[in-house]
Amino acid sequence: MKKQLFFLMAIIFAIQGWTQPTLNEGFEGTTFPPNDWTSVNVSGSVNWARYTSSTPRGTASASVNYGSSGHENWLITPNLN
């Protein structure tokens, strides 16, 4: 019975994985933020920026530095269906 339950759960997770939209943005383009993305600075003086050194993957990444007086920044993805 446990094997059947795990098999059924695996099938459900696999089907859901195929039907979910995938967000894949590498920030390699020179436009920042990318088209349909929004960068919002609520408070503080630091903003999101595109970095090309010390990137975890690819040739560029998005990062925001810490502000000593505190800050609130949002990097908002485009709408996903």
C-alpha atoms as a PDB file:
ATOM      1  CA  MET A   1       0.000   0.000   0.000  1.00  0.00           C
ATOM      2  CA  LYS A   2       2.833   2.441   0.845  1.00  0.00           C
ATOM      3  CA  LYS A   3       4.521   1.744  -2.493  1.00  0.00           C
ATOM      4  CA  GLN A   4       1.300   2.527  -4.353  1.00  0.00           C
ATOM      5  CA  LEU A   5       0.816   5.754  -2.392  1.00  0.00           C
ATOM      6  CA  PHE A   6       4.381   6.919  -3.096  1.00  0.00           C
ATOM      7  CA  PHE A   7       4.007   5.986  -6.772  1.00  0.00           C
ATOM      8  CA  LEU A   8       0.764   7.977  -7.016  1.00  0.00           C
ATOM      9  CA  MET A   9       2.352  10.968  -5.265  1.00  0.00           C
ATOM     10  CA  ALA A  10       5.336  10.833  -7.631  1.00  0.00           C
ATOM     11  CA  ILE A  11       3.015  10.881 -10.646  1.00  0.00           C
ATOM     12  CA  ILE A  12       1.058  13.846  -9.238  1.00  0.00           C
ATOM     13  CA  PHE A  13       4.252  15.828  -8.558  1.00  0.00           C
ATOM     14  CA  ALA A  14       5.596  15.003 -12.031  1.00  0.00           C
ATOM     15  CA  ILE A  15       2.409  16.173 -13.734  1.00  0.00           C
ATOM     16  CA  GLN A  16       2.320  19.384 -11.716  1.00  0.00           C
ATOM     17  CA  GLY A  17       5.960  20.048 -12.574  1.00  0.00           C
ATOM     18  CA  TRP A  18       5.207  19.828 -16.286  1.00  0.00           C
ATOM     19  CA  THR A  19       2.213  22.162 -16.116  1.00  0.00           C
ATOM     20  CA  GLN A  20       3.831  24.925 -14.062  1.00  0.00           C
ATOM     21  CA  PRO A  21       5.402  27.859 -15.921  1.00  0.00           C
ATOM     22  CA  THR A  22       9.145  28.123 -15.529  1.00  0.00           C
ATOM     23  CA  LEU A  23      10.817  31.408 -14.680  1.00  0.00           C
ATOM     24  CA  ASN A  24      14.315  31.434 -16.110  1.00  0.00           C
ATOM     25  CA  GLU A  25      16.168  34.741 -16.052  1.00  0.00           C
ATOM     26  CA  GLY A  26      19.930  34.873 -16.124  1.00  0.00           C
ATOM     27  CA  PHE A  27      20.379  38.683 -16.230  1.00  0.00           C
ATOM     28  CA  GLU A  28      22.945  38.240 -19.015  1.00  0.00           C
ATOM     29  CA  GLY A  29      21.347  40.993 -21.133  1.00  0.00           C
ATOM     30  CA  THR A  30      22.586  44.550 -20.688  1.00  0.00           C
ATOM     31  CA  THR A  31      19.090  45.911 -19.958  1.00  0.00           C
ATOM     32  CA  PHE A  32      18.468  45.939 -16.213  1.00  0.00           C
ATOM     33  CA  PRO A  33      16.001  45.139 -14.931  1.00  0.00           C
ATOM     34  CA  PRO A  34      14.995  42.893 -17.851  1.00  0.00           C
ATOM     35  CA  ASN A  35      11.864  43.688 -19.854  1.00  0.00           C
ATOM     36  CA  ASP A  36       8.662  43.212 -17.815  1.00  0.00           C
ATOM     37  CA  TRP A  37      10.617  43.192 -14.514  1.00  0.00           C
ATOM     38  CA  THR A  38      10.305  46.059 -12.030  1.00  0.00           C
ATOM     39  CA  SER A  39      12.858  47.388  -9.558  1.00  0.00           C
ATOM     40  CA  VAL A  40      11.307  49.315  -6.661  1.00  0.00           C
ATOM     41  CA  ASN A  41      13.206  51.251  -4.004  1.00  0.00           C
ATOM     42  CA  VAL A  42      10.860  51.775  -1.035  1.00  0.00           C
ATOM     43  CA  SER A  43      13.439  53.192   1.366  1.00  0.00           C
ATOM     44  CA  GLY A  44      17.184  53.673   1.644  1.00  0.00           C
ATOM     45  CA  SER A  45      19.759  54.731  -0.908  1.00  0.00           C
ATOM     46  CA  VAL A  46      20.795  51.371  -2.423  1.00  0.00           C
ATOM     47  CA  ASN A  47      19.080  49.845  -5.460  1.00  0.00           C
ATOM     48  CA  TRP A  48      19.083  46.542  -7.300  1.00  0.00           C
ATOM     49  CA  ALA A  49      21.870  46.326  -9.876  1.00  0.00           C
ATOM     50  CA  ARG A  50      23.290  43.934 -12.455  1.00  0.00           C
ATOM     51  CA  TYR A  51      26.674  42.473 -11.480  1.00  0.00           C
ATOM     52  CA  THR A  52      29.108  40.625 -13.699  1.00  0.00           C
ATOM     53  CA  SER A  53      31.714  39.706 -11.104  1.00  0.00           C
ATOM     54  CA  SER A  54      31.317  36.885  -8.598  1.00  0.00           C
ATOM     55  CA  THR A  55      28.072  35.612 -10.110  1.00  0.00           C
ATOM     56  CA  PRO A  56      26.695  32.333  -8.753  1.00  0.00           C
ATOM     57  CA  ARG A  57      25.594  31.177 -12.236  1.00  0.00           C
ATOM     58  CA  GLY A  58      26.065  32.492 -15.730  1.00  0.00           C
ATOM     59  CA  THR A  59      27.852  35.712 -16.574  1.00  0.00           C
ATOM     60  CA  ALA A  60      25.636  38.154 -14.647  1.00  0.00           C
ATOM     61  CA  SER A  61      23.384  38.305 -11.596  1.00  0.00           C
ATOM     62  CA  ALA A  62      21.071  40.697  -9.774  1.00  0.00           C
ATOM     63  CA  SER A  63      22.103  41.930  -6.352  1.00  0.00           C
ATOM     64  CA  VAL A  64      21.357  44.650  -3.857  1.00  0.00           C
ATOM     65  CA  ASN A  65      23.886  45.778  -1.264  1.00  0.00           C
ATOM     66  CA  TYR A  66      23.053  46.319   2.376  1.00  0.00           C
ATOM     67  CA  GLY A  67      22.458  49.892   3.470  1.00  0.00           C
ATOM     68  CA  SER A  68      23.731  50.720   6.969  1.00  0.00           C
ATOM     69  CA  SER A  69      20.659  52.857   7.662  1.00  0.00           C
ATOM     70  CA  GLY A  70      18.395  50.061   6.446  1.00  0.00           C
ATOM     71  CA  HIS A  71      16.532  49.750   3.202  1.00  0.00           C
ATOM     72  CA  GLU A  72      13.649  48.022   1.462  1.00  0.00           C
ATOM     73  CA  ASN A  73      14.044  47.045  -2.174  1.00  0.00           C
ATOM     74  CA  TRP A  74      11.939  44.834  -4.408  1.00  0.00           C
ATOM     75  CA  LEU A  75      12.863  43.127  -7.683  1.00  0.00           C
ATOM     76  CA  ILE A  76       9.509  42.068  -9.103  1.00  0.00           C
ATOM     77  CA  THR A  77       9.129  39.355 -11.743  1.00  0.00           C
ATOM     78  CA  PRO A  78       6.675  39.656 -14.639  1.00  0.00           C
ATOM     79  CA  ASN A  79       3.209  38.137 -14.170  1.00  0.00           C
ATOM     80  CA  LEU A  80       3.168  34.368 -14.446  1.00  0.00           C
ATOM     81  CA  ASN A  81       0.111  32.409 -15.576  1.00  0.00           C
END
